[in-house]
PDB file of N, CA and C in Angstrom:
ATOM      1  N   UNK A   1      -7.562 -21.021  -5.798  1.00  0.00           N
ATOM      2  CA  UNK A   1      -6.518 -21.738  -5.234  1.00  0.00           C
ATOM      3  C   UNK A   1      -5.403 -22.000  -6.025  1.00  0.00           C
ATOM      4  N   UNK A   2      -5.393 -22.008  -7.396  1.00  0.00           N
ATOM      5  CA  UNK A   2      -4.280 -22.116  -8.201  1.00  0.00           C
ATOM      6  C   UNK A   2      -3.527 -20.858  -8.120  1.00  0.00           C
ATOM      7  N   UNK A   3      -4.260 -19.657  -8.092  1.00  0.00           N
ATOM      8  CA  UNK A   3      -3.537 -18.352  -8.010  1.00  0.00           C
ATOM      9  C   UNK A   3      -2.735 -18.263  -6.732  1.00  0.00           C
ATOM     10  N   UNK A   4      -3.372 -18.670  -5.635  1.00  0.00           N
ATOM     11  CA  UNK A   4      -2.673 -18.658  -4.301  1.00  0.00           C
ATOM     12  C   UNK A   4      -1.467 -19.604  -4.383  1.00  0.00           C
ATOM     13  N   UNK A   5      -1.423 -20.783  -5.077  1.00  0.00           N
ATOM     14  CA  UNK A   5      -0.411 -21.737  -5.100  1.00  0.00           C
ATOM     15  C   UNK A   5       0.785 -21.131  -5.882  1.00  0.00           C
ATOM     16  N   UNK A   6       0.377 -20.368  -6.903  1.00  0.00           N
ATOM     17  CA  UNK A   6       1.311 -19.793  -7.839  1.00  0.00           C
ATOM     18  C   UNK A   6       2.091 -18.786  -7.079  1.00  0.00           C
ATOM     19  N   UNK A   7       1.247 -18.052  -6.510  1.00  0.00           N
ATOM     20  CA  UNK A   7       1.873 -16.847  -5.379  1.00  0.00           C
ATOM     21  C   UNK A   7       2.928 -17.364  -4.273  1.00  0.00           C
ATOM     22  N   UNK A   8       2.496 -18.412  -3.727  1.00  0.00           N
ATOM     23  CA  UNK A   8       3.324 -19.210  -2.890  1.00  0.00           C
ATOM     24  C   UNK A   8       4.686 -19.696  -3.401  1.00  0.00           C
ATOM     25  N   UNK A   9       4.497 -20.271  -4.573  1.00  0.00           N
ATOM     26  CA  UNK A   9       5.688 -20.539  -5.355  1.00  0.00           C
ATOM     27  C   UNK A   9       6.600 -19.575  -5.675  1.00  0.00           C
ATOM     28  N   UNK A  10       6.011 -18.365  -5.935  1.00  0.00           N
ATOM     29  CA  UNK A  10       6.979 -17.250  -6.350  1.00  0.00           C
ATOM     30  C   UNK A  10       7.686 -16.825  -4.921  1.00  0.00           C
ATOM     31  N   UNK A  11       6.991 -16.763  -4.161  1.00  0.00           N
ATOM     32  CA  UNK A  11       7.568 -16.386  -2.720  1.00  0.00           C
ATOM     33  C   UNK A  11       8.669 -17.142  -2.193  1.00  0.00           C
ATOM     34  N   UNK A  12       8.423 -18.474  -2.195  1.00  0.00           N
ATOM     35  CA  UNK A  12       9.410 -19.504  -1.925  1.00  0.00           C
ATOM     36  C   UNK A  12      10.660 -19.454  -2.740  1.00  0.00           C
ATOM     37  N   UNK A  13      10.348 -19.279  -4.055  1.00  0.00           N
ATOM     38  CA  UNK A  13      11.471 -19.207  -5.026  1.00  0.00           C
ATOM     39  C   UNK A  13      12.312 -17.985  -4.744  1.00  0.00           C
ATOM     40  N   UNK A  14      11.634 -16.793  -4.421  1.00  0.00           N
ATOM     41  CA  UNK A  14      12.339 -15.637  -4.229  1.00  0.00           C
ATOM     42  C   UNK A  14      13.235 -15.781  -2.960  1.00  0.00           C
ATOM     43  N   UNK A  15      12.794 -16.422  -1.906  1.00  0.00           N
ATOM     44  CA  UNK A  15      13.602 -16.664  -0.671  1.00  0.00           C
ATOM     45  C   UNK A  15      14.702 -17.524  -0.997  1.00  0.00           C
ATOM     46  N   UNK A  16      14.470 -18.666  -1.864  1.00  0.00           N
ATOM     47  CA  UNK A  16      15.420 -19.738  -2.178  1.00  0.00           C
ATOM     48  C   UNK A  16      16.693 -19.143  -2.910  1.00  0.00           C
ATOM     49  N   UNK A  17      16.374 -18.272  -3.853  1.00  0.00           N
ATOM     50  CA  UNK A  17      17.390 -17.866  -4.621  1.00  0.00           C
ATOM     51  C   UNK A  17      18.349 -16.724  -3.827  1.00  0.00           C
ATOM     52  N   UNK A  18      17.741 -15.930  -3.192  1.00  0.00           N
ATOM     53  CA  UNK A  18      18.511 -14.920  -2.381  1.00  0.00           C
ATOM     54  C   UNK A  18      19.203 -15.704  -1.351  1.00  0.00           C
ATOM     55  N   UNK A  19      18.560 -16.673  -0.622  1.00  0.00           N
ATOM     56  CA  UNK A  19      19.309 -17.339   0.449  1.00  0.00           C
ATOM     57  C   UNK A  19      20.407 -18.135  -0.181  1.00  0.00           C
ATOM     58  N   UNK A  20      20.349 -18.619  -1.211  1.00  0.00           N
ATOM     59  CA  UNK A  20      21.356 -19.511  -1.919  1.00  0.00           C
ATOM     60  C   UNK A  20      22.420 -18.720  -2.456  1.00  0.00           C
ATOM     61  N   UNK A  21      22.285 -17.540  -2.866  1.00  0.00           N
ATOM     62  CA  UNK A  21      23.294 -16.712  -3.180  1.00  0.00           C
ATOM     63  C   UNK A  21      24.031 -15.960  -2.021  1.00  0.00           C
ATOM     64  N   UNK A  22      23.211 -15.551  -1.038  1.00  0.00           N
ATOM     65  CA  UNK A  22      23.967 -15.212   0.159  1.00  0.00           C
ATOM     66  C   UNK A  22      24.889 -16.216   0.836  1.00  0.00           C
ATOM     67  N   UNK A  23      24.358 -17.549   0.795  1.00  0.00           N
ATOM     68  CA  UNK A  23      25.368 -18.602   1.444  1.00  0.00           C
ATOM     69  C   UNK A  23      26.470 -18.906   0.477  1.00  0.00           C
ATOM     70  N   UNK A  24      26.379 -18.700  -0.913  1.00  0.00           N
ATOM     71  CA  UNK A  24      27.487 -19.020  -1.642  1.00  0.00           C
ATOM     72  C   UNK A  24      28.570 -17.952  -1.185  1.00  0.00           C
ATOM     73  N   UNK A  25      28.271 -16.882  -1.091  1.00  0.00           N
ATOM     74  CA  UNK A  25      29.235 -15.940  -0.827  1.00  0.00           C
ATOM     75  C   UNK A  25      29.577 -15.746   0.684  1.00  0.00           C
ATOM     76  N   UNK A  26      28.723 -16.312   1.460  1.00  0.00           N
ATOM     77  CA  UNK A  26      28.950 -16.036   3.074  1.00  0.00           C
ATOM     78  C   UNK A  26      28.747 -14.868   3.597  1.00  0.00           C
ATOM     79  N   UNK A  27      27.762 -14.144   2.826  1.00  0.00           N
ATOM     80  CA  UNK A  27      27.447 -12.819   3.201  1.00  0.00           C
ATOM     81  C   UNK A  27      26.130 -12.869   3.826  1.00  0.00           C
ATOM     82  N   UNK A  28      25.819 -11.566   4.461  1.00  0.00           N
ATOM     83  CA  UNK A  28      24.547 -11.320   5.106  1.00  0.00           C
ATOM     84  C   UNK A  28      23.957  -9.978   4.375  1.00  0.00           C
ATOM     85  N   UNK A  29      22.548  -9.936   4.384  1.00  0.00           N
ATOM     86  CA  UNK A  29      22.081  -8.575   3.868  1.00  0.00           C
ATOM     87  C   UNK A  29      21.573  -7.726   5.113  1.00  0.00           C
ATOM     88  N   UNK A  30      21.890  -6.644   5.045  1.00  0.00           N
ATOM     89  CA  UNK A  30      21.552  -5.498   6.236  1.00  0.00           C
ATOM     90  C   UNK A  30      20.718  -4.616   5.258  1.00  0.00           C
ATOM     91  N   UNK A  31      19.868  -3.708   6.284  1.00  0.00           N
ATOM     92  CA  UNK A  31      18.997  -2.978   5.833  1.00  0.00           C
ATOM     93  C   UNK A  31      17.644  -3.353   5.550  1.00  0.00           C
ATOM     94  N   UNK A  32      17.279  -4.347   6.037  1.00  0.00           N
ATOM     95  CA  UNK A  32      15.900  -4.979   5.966  1.00  0.00           C
ATOM     96  C   UNK A  32      15.079  -4.657   7.114  1.00  0.00           C
ATOM     97  N   UNK A  33      15.646  -4.274   8.180  1.00  0.00           N
ATOM     98  CA  UNK A  33      14.711  -4.024   9.310  1.00  0.00           C
ATOM     99  C   UNK A  33      14.581  -2.464   9.561  1.00  0.00           C
ATOM    100  N   UNK A  34      13.494  -1.885   9.686  1.00  0.00           N
ATOM    101  CA  UNK A  34      13.471  -0.515   9.631  1.00  0.00           C
ATOM    102  C   UNK A  34      13.946   0.099  11.009  1.00  0.00           C
ATOM    103  N   UNK A  35      13.641  -0.767  12.070  1.00  0.00           N
ATOM    104  CA  UNK A  35      14.114  -0.192  13.459  1.00  0.00           C
ATOM    105  C   UNK A  35      15.579  -0.191  13.529  1.00  0.00           C
ATOM    106  N   UNK A  36      16.256  -1.079  12.661  1.00  0.00           N
ATOM    107  CA  UNK A  36      17.593  -1.434  13.004  1.00  0.00           C
ATOM    108  C   UNK A  36      18.245  -1.691  11.552  1.00  0.00           C
ATOM    109  N   UNK A  37      18.583  -0.520  10.873  1.00  0.00           N
ATOM    110  CA  UNK A  37      19.244  -0.640   9.516  1.00  0.00           C
ATOM    111  C   UNK A  37      20.381  -1.552   9.592  1.00  0.00           C
ATOM    112  N   UNK A  38      21.150  -1.618  10.734  1.00  0.00           N
ATOM    113  CA  UNK A  38      22.510  -2.280  10.592  1.00  0.00           C
ATOM    114  C   UNK A  38      22.475  -3.756  10.924  1.00  0.00           C
ATOM    115  N   UNK A  39      21.176  -4.299  11.372  1.00  0.00           N
ATOM    116  CA  UNK A  39      20.993  -5.696  11.448  1.00  0.00           C
ATOM    117  C   UNK A  39      21.146  -6.400  10.139  1.00  0.00           C
ATOM    118  N   UNK A  40      21.718  -7.553  10.131  1.00  0.00           N
ATOM    119  CA  UNK A  40      21.960  -8.363   8.784  1.00  0.00           C
ATOM    120  C   UNK A  40      21.616  -9.704   9.028  1.00  0.00           C
ATOM    121  N   UNK A  41      20.916 -10.239   8.084  1.00  0.00           N
ATOM    122  CA  UNK A  41      20.567 -11.702   8.028  1.00  0.00           C
ATOM    123  C   UNK A  41      21.029 -12.350   6.910  1.00  0.00           C
ATOM    124  N   UNK A  42      21.304 -13.643   7.026  1.00  0.00           N
ATOM    125  CA  UNK A  42      21.584 -14.529   5.826  1.00  0.00           C
ATOM    126  C   UNK A  42      20.459 -15.250   5.444  1.00  0.00           C
ATOM    127  N   UNK A  43      19.383 -15.246   6.168  1.00  0.00           N
ATOM    128  CA  UNK A  43      18.165 -15.813   5.773  1.00  0.00           C
ATOM    129  C   UNK A  43      16.978 -14.835   5.682  1.00  0.00           C
ATOM    130  N   UNK A  44      16.874 -14.113   4.776  1.00  0.00           N
ATOM    131  CA  UNK A  44      15.676 -13.051   4.700  1.00  0.00           C
ATOM    132  C   UNK A  44      14.501 -13.687   4.369  1.00  0.00           C
ATOM    133  N   UNK A  45      13.334 -13.293   4.745  1.00  0.00           N
ATOM    134  CA  UNK A  45      12.098 -13.816   4.380  1.00  0.00           C
ATOM    135  C   UNK A  45      11.588 -12.901   3.180  1.00  0.00           C
ATOM    136  N   UNK A  46      10.788 -13.595   2.199  1.00  0.00           N
ATOM    137  CA  UNK A  46      10.375 -12.862   1.057  1.00  0.00           C
ATOM    138  C   UNK A  46       9.596 -11.608   1.503  1.00  0.00           C
ATOM    139  N   UNK A  47       8.876 -11.647   2.405  1.00  0.00           N
ATOM    140  CA  UNK A  47       8.055 -10.374   2.910  1.00  0.00           C
ATOM    141  C   UNK A  47       9.102  -9.424   3.261  1.00  0.00           C
ATOM    142  N   UNK A  48      10.312  -9.579   3.908  1.00  0.00           N
ATOM    143  CA  UNK A  48      11.164  -8.486   4.260  1.00  0.00           C
ATOM    144  C   UNK A  48      11.779  -7.885   2.738  1.00  0.00           C
ATOM    145  N   UNK A  49      12.032  -8.896   1.955  1.00  0.00           N
ATOM    146  CA  UNK A  49      12.664  -8.564   0.693  1.00  0.00           C
ATOM    147  C   UNK A  49      11.758  -7.780  -0.221  1.00  0.00           C
ATOM    148  N   UNK A  50      10.491  -7.996  -0.207  1.00  0.00           N
ATOM    149  CA  UNK A  50       9.487  -7.118  -0.867  1.00  0.00           C
ATOM    150  C   UNK A  50       9.180  -5.819  -0.180  1.00  0.00           C
ATOM    151  N   UNK A  51       9.026  -5.758   1.184  1.00  0.00           N
ATOM    152  CA  UNK A  51       9.195  -4.496   1.850  1.00  0.00           C
ATOM    153  C   UNK A  51      10.271  -3.531   1.520  1.00  0.00           C
ATOM    154  N   UNK A  52      11.368  -3.919   1.267  1.00  0.00           N
ATOM    155  CA  UNK A  52      12.445  -3.116   0.778  1.00  0.00           C
ATOM    156  C   UNK A  52      11.947  -2.232  -0.377  1.00  0.00           C
ATOM    157  N   UNK A  53      11.251  -2.696  -1.259  1.00  0.00           N
ATOM    158  CA  UNK A  53      10.747  -2.044  -2.415  1.00  0.00           C
ATOM    159  C   UNK A  53       9.428  -1.186  -2.206  1.00  0.00           C
ATOM    160  N   UNK A  54       8.791  -1.019  -1.037  1.00  0.00           N
ATOM    161  CA  UNK A  54       7.783  -0.362  -0.623  1.00  0.00           C
ATOM    162  C   UNK A  54       7.648   1.175  -1.032  1.00  0.00           C
ATOM    163  N   UNK A  55       8.856   1.760  -0.946  1.00  0.00           N
ATOM    164  CA  UNK A  55       8.962   3.127  -1.161  1.00  0.00           C
ATOM    165  C   UNK A  55       9.241   3.769  -2.527  1.00  0.00           C
ATOM    166  N   UNK A  56       8.962   2.847  -3.567  1.00  0.00           N
ATOM    167  CA  UNK A  56       9.309   3.076  -4.909  1.00  0.00           C
ATOM    168  C   UNK A  56       8.051   3.705  -5.429  1.00  0.00           C
ATOM    169  N   UNK A  57       8.261   4.852  -6.083  1.00  0.00           N
ATOM    170  CA  UNK A  57       7.197   5.870  -6.885  1.00  0.00           C
ATOM    171  C   UNK A  57       7.450   6.008  -8.182  1.00  0.00           C
ATOM    172  N   UNK A  58       6.452   5.676  -9.162  1.00  0.00           N
ATOM    173  CA  UNK A  58       6.518   6.107 -10.496  1.00  0.00           C
ATOM    174  C   UNK A  58       5.533   7.231 -10.622  1.00  0.00           C
ATOM    175  N   UNK A  59       5.921   8.192 -11.151  1.00  0.00           N
ATOM    176  CA  UNK A  59       5.057   9.495 -11.350  1.00  0.00           C
ATOM    177  C   UNK A  59       4.908   9.559 -12.815  1.00  0.00           C
ATOM    178  N   UNK A  60       3.808   9.659 -13.313  1.00  0.00           N
ATOM    179  CA  UNK A  60       3.345   9.832 -14.847  1.00  0.00           C
ATOM    180  C   UNK A  60       2.694  11.266 -15.125  1.00  0.00           C
ATOM    181  N   UNK A  61       3.297  11.939 -15.883  1.00  0.00           N
ATOM    182  CA  UNK A  61       2.723  13.361 -16.168  1.00  0.00           C
ATOM    183  C   UNK A  61       2.340  13.253 -17.612  1.00  0.00           C
ATOM    184  N   UNK A  62       1.121  13.330 -18.152  1.00  0.00           N
ATOM    185  CA  UNK A  62       0.731  13.306 -19.589  1.00  0.00           C
ATOM    186  C   UNK A  62       0.538  14.653 -19.983  1.00  0.00           C
ATOM    187  N   UNK A  63       1.239  14.891 -21.001  1.00  0.00           N
ATOM    188  CA  UNK A  63       0.938  16.269 -21.744  1.00  0.00           C
ATOM    189  C   UNK A  63       0.384  15.955 -23.289  1.00  0.00           C
ATOM    190  N   UNK A  64      -0.132  16.713 -23.829  1.00  0.00           N
ATOM    191  CA  UNK A  64      -0.824  16.532 -25.199  1.00  0.00           C
ATOM    192  C   UNK A  64      -0.047  15.675 -26.139  1.00  0.00           C
ATOM    193  N   UNK A  65       1.279  16.061 -26.207  1.00  0.00           N
ATOM    194  CA  UNK A  65       2.109  15.272 -27.199  1.00  0.00           C
ATOM    195  C   UNK A  65       3.179  14.325 -26.625  1.00  0.00           C
ATOM    196  N   UNK A  66       3.310  14.375 -25.235  1.00  0.00           N
ATOM    197  CA  UNK A  66       4.374  13.445 -24.656  1.00  0.00           C
ATOM    198  C   UNK A  66       3.936  13.252 -23.355  1.00  0.00           C
ATOM    199  N   UNK A  67       4.499  11.948 -22.729  1.00  0.00           N
ATOM    200  CA  UNK A  67       4.166  11.540 -21.397  1.00  0.00           C
ATOM    201  C   UNK A  67       5.603  11.509 -20.816  1.00  0.00           C
ATOM    202  N   UNK A  68       5.682  12.320 -19.673  1.00  0.00           N
ATOM    203  CA  UNK A  68       6.889  12.299 -18.708  1.00  0.00           C
ATOM    204  C   UNK A  68       6.577  11.287 -17.633  1.00  0.00           C
ATOM    205  N   UNK A  69       7.888  10.476 -17.347  1.00  0.00           N
ATOM    206  CA  UNK A  69       7.833   9.489 -16.312  1.00  0.00           C
ATOM    207  C   UNK A  69       9.079   9.712 -15.442  1.00  0.00           C
ATOM    208  N   UNK A  70       8.701   9.630 -14.112  1.00  0.00           N
ATOM    209  CA  UNK A  70       9.779   9.662 -13.170  1.00  0.00           C
ATOM    210  C   UNK A  70       9.771   8.603 -12.231  1.00  0.00           C
ATOM    211  N   UNK A  71      10.818   8.032 -11.886  1.00  0.00           N
ATOM    212  CA  UNK A  71      11.073   6.712 -11.053  1.00  0.00           C
ATOM    213  C   UNK A  71      11.872   7.096 -10.097  1.00  0.00           C
ATOM    214  N   UNK A  72      11.592   6.936  -8.698  1.00  0.00           N
ATOM    215  CA  UNK A  72      12.590   7.112  -7.719  1.00  0.00           C
ATOM    216  C   UNK A  72      13.921   6.194  -7.789  1.00  0.00           C
ATOM    217  N   UNK A  73      15.029   6.775  -7.513  1.00  0.00           N
ATOM    218  CA  UNK A  73      16.023   5.748  -7.618  1.00  0.00           C
ATOM    219  C   UNK A  73      16.131   4.519  -6.755  1.00  0.00           C
ATOM    220  N   UNK A  74      16.929   3.570  -7.125  1.00  0.00           N
ATOM    221  CA  UNK A  74      17.038   2.377  -6.222  1.00  0.00           C
ATOM    222  C   UNK A  74      18.064   2.670  -5.052  1.00  0.00           C
ATOM    223  N   UNK A  75      17.675   2.055  -3.901  1.00  0.00           N
ATOM    224  CA  UNK A  75      18.544   2.365  -2.704  1.00  0.00           C
ATOM    225  C   UNK A  75      19.718   1.355  -2.816  1.00  0.00           C
ATOM    226  N   UNK A  76      20.694   1.328  -2.114  1.00  0.00           N
ATOM    227  CA  UNK A  76      21.785   0.286  -2.059  1.00  0.00           C
ATOM    228  C   UNK A  76      21.122  -1.057  -1.799  1.00  0.00           C
ATOM    229  N   UNK A  77      20.305  -1.162  -0.821  1.00  0.00           N
ATOM    230  CA  UNK A  77      19.819  -2.417  -0.415  1.00  0.00           C
ATOM    231  C   UNK A  77      18.985  -2.934  -1.493  1.00  0.00           C
ATOM    232  N   UNK A  78      18.161  -2.262  -2.276  1.00  0.00           N
ATOM    233  CA  UNK A  78      17.280  -2.537  -3.313  1.00  0.00           C
ATOM    234  C   UNK A  78      18.262  -3.080  -4.580  1.00  0.00           C
ATOM    235  N   UNK A  79      19.222  -2.432  -4.768  1.00  0.00           N
ATOM    236  CA  UNK A  79      20.051  -2.881  -5.845  1.00  0.00           C
ATOM    237  C   UNK A  79      20.733  -4.204  -5.365  1.00  0.00           C
ATOM    238  N   UNK A  80      21.126  -4.329  -4.177  1.00  0.00           N
ATOM    239  CA  UNK A  80      21.891  -5.616  -3.629  1.00  0.00           C
ATOM    240  C   UNK A  80      20.779  -6.886  -3.838  1.00  0.00           C
ATOM    241  N   UNK A  81      19.446  -6.467  -3.559  1.00  0.00           N
ATOM    242  CA  UNK A  81      18.419  -7.491  -3.573  1.00  0.00           C
ATOM    243  C   UNK A  81      18.411  -8.001  -5.113  1.00  0.00           C
ATOM    244  N   UNK A  82      18.229  -7.125  -5.951  1.00  0.00           N
ATOM    245  CA  UNK A  82      18.129  -7.250  -7.400  1.00  0.00           C
ATOM    246  C   UNK A  82      19.377  -8.105  -7.846  1.00  0.00           C
ATOM    247  N   UNK A  83      20.627  -7.845  -7.275  1.00  0.00           N
ATOM    248  CA  UNK A  83      21.715  -8.493  -7.773  1.00  0.00           C
ATOM    249  C   UNK A  83      21.729  -9.842  -7.028  1.00  0.00           C
ATOM    250  N   UNK A  84      21.310 -10.219  -5.937  1.00  0.00           N
ATOM    251  CA  UNK A  84      21.233 -11.446  -5.430  1.00  0.00           C
ATOM    252  C   UNK A  84      20.127 -12.186  -6.204  1.00  0.00           C
ATOM    253  N   UNK A  85      19.235 -11.662  -6.882  1.00  0.00           N
ATOM    254  CA  UNK A  85      18.226 -12.482  -7.747  1.00  0.00           C
ATOM    255  C   UNK A  85      18.634 -12.458  -9.006  1.00  0.00           C
ATOM    256  N   UNK A  86      19.827 -12.243  -9.304  1.00  0.00           N
ATOM    257  CA  UNK A  86      20.421 -12.304 -10.541  1.00  0.00           C
ATOM    258  C   UNK A  86      19.568 -11.393 -11.710  1.00  0.00           C
ATOM    259  N   UNK A  87      19.123 -10.286 -11.272  1.00  0.00           N
ATOM    260  CA  UNK A  87      18.474  -9.357 -12.220  1.00  0.00           C
ATOM    261  C   UNK A  87      19.396  -8.057 -12.326  1.00  0.00           C
ATOM    262  N   UNK A  88      19.275  -7.553 -13.500  1.00  0.00           N
ATOM    263  CA  UNK A  88      20.071  -6.368 -13.711  1.00  0.00           C
ATOM    264  C   UNK A  88      19.309  -5.041 -13.167  1.00  0.00           C
ATOM    265  N   UNK A  89      19.883  -4.145 -12.837  1.00  0.00           N
ATOM    266  CA  UNK A  89      19.000  -2.927 -12.319  1.00  0.00           C
ATOM    267  C   UNK A  89      18.635  -2.123 -13.692  1.00  0.00           C
ATOM    268  N   UNK A  90      18.776  -2.643 -14.829  1.00  0.00           N
ATOM    269  CA  UNK A  90      18.415  -2.154 -16.162  1.00  0.00           C
ATOM    270  C   UNK A  90      16.853  -2.592 -16.305  1.00  0.00           C
ATOM    271  N   UNK A  91      16.489  -3.704 -15.553  1.00  0.00           N
ATOM    272  CA  UNK A  91      15.116  -3.945 -15.582  1.00  0.00           C
ATOM    273  C   UNK A  91      14.191  -3.068 -14.971  1.00  0.00           C
ATOM    274  N   UNK A  92      14.684  -2.361 -13.931  1.00  0.00           N
ATOM    275  CA  UNK A  92      14.008  -1.418 -13.020  1.00  0.00           C
ATOM    276  C   UNK A  92      14.165  -0.145 -13.880  1.00  0.00           C
ATOM    277  N   UNK A  93      15.149   0.136 -14.650  1.00  0.00           N
ATOM    278  CA  UNK A  93      15.370   1.392 -15.356  1.00  0.00           C
ATOM    279  C   UNK A  93      14.322   1.359 -16.660  1.00  0.00           C
ATOM    280  N   UNK A  94      13.990   0.198 -17.193  1.00  0.00           N
ATOM    281  CA  UNK A  94      13.168   0.324 -18.303  1.00  0.00           C
ATOM    282  C   UNK A  94      11.739   0.490 -17.947  1.00  0.00           C
ATOM    283  N   UNK A  95      11.251   0.613 -16.608  1.00  0.00           N
ATOM    284  CA  UNK A  95       9.941   0.967 -16.335  1.00  0.00           C
ATOM    285  C   UNK A  95       9.787   2.417 -16.714  1.00  0.00           C
ATOM    286  N   UNK A  96      10.867   3.256 -16.824  1.00  0.00           N
ATOM    287  CA  UNK A  96      10.604   4.694 -16.907  1.00  0.00           C
ATOM    288  C   UNK A  96      11.572   5.042 -18.277  1.00  0.00           C
ATOM    289  N   UNK A  97      11.197   4.465 -19.324  1.00  0.00           N
ATOM    290  CA  UNK A  97      12.218   4.615 -20.446  1.00  0.00           C
ATOM    291  C   UNK A  97      12.642   5.957 -20.981  1.00  0.00           C
ATOM    292  N   UNK A  98      11.298   6.971 -20.917  1.00  0.00           N
ATOM    293  CA  UNK A  98      11.773   8.243 -21.499  1.00  0.00           C
ATOM    294  C   UNK A  98      12.431   9.115 -20.403  1.00  0.00           C
ATOM    295  N   UNK A  99      12.479   8.960 -19.300  1.00  0.00           N
ATOM    296  CA  UNK A  99      13.057   9.725 -18.370  1.00  0.00           C
ATOM    297  C   UNK A  99      14.592   9.535 -18.146  1.00  0.00           C
ATOM    298  N   UNK A 100      15.424  10.256 -17.414  1.00  0.00           N
ATOM    299  CA  UNK A 100      16.841   9.998 -17.088  1.00  0.00           C
ATOM    300  C   UNK A 100      16.690   8.723 -16.287  1.00  0.00           C
ATOM    301  N   UNK A 101      17.929   7.966 -16.489  1.00  0.00           N
ATOM    302  CA  UNK A 101      18.004   6.562 -15.911  1.00  0.00           C
ATOM    303  C   UNK A 101      18.160   6.936 -14.244  1.00  0.00           C
ATOM    304  N   UNK A 102      17.337   6.192 -13.616  1.00  0.00           N
ATOM    305  CA  UNK A 102      17.465   6.326 -11.861  1.00  0.00           C
ATOM    306  C   UNK A 102      18.933   5.892 -11.683  1.00  0.00           C
ATOM    307  N   UNK A 103      19.529   6.369 -10.698  1.00  0.00           N
ATOM    308  CA  UNK A 103      20.882   5.992 -10.347  1.00  0.00           C
ATOM    309  C   UNK A 103      20.956   5.186  -9.066  1.00  0.00           C
TER     310      UNK A 103
END
């Protein structure tokens, strides 16, 4: 039960921070709806925000003396969500420290 309560708090906080930052700028977030990418909302749900990161892939290739990692680049919507959460895109790039930085 405690783990579920923590998960619910994280989802609620995610929605709150994004909605607050959108309201502060008077903007809306587009690109969250698969069937209608131009549809924008000022009140995105945590589920929609997390779905935007669904297509991320981390590929790891291990060689005898080196490990190569490749991370798919962030889309504009994903970058915008991270900015609304006050996260730097550098946090994403650190997942793949030894490959070229995703753009």
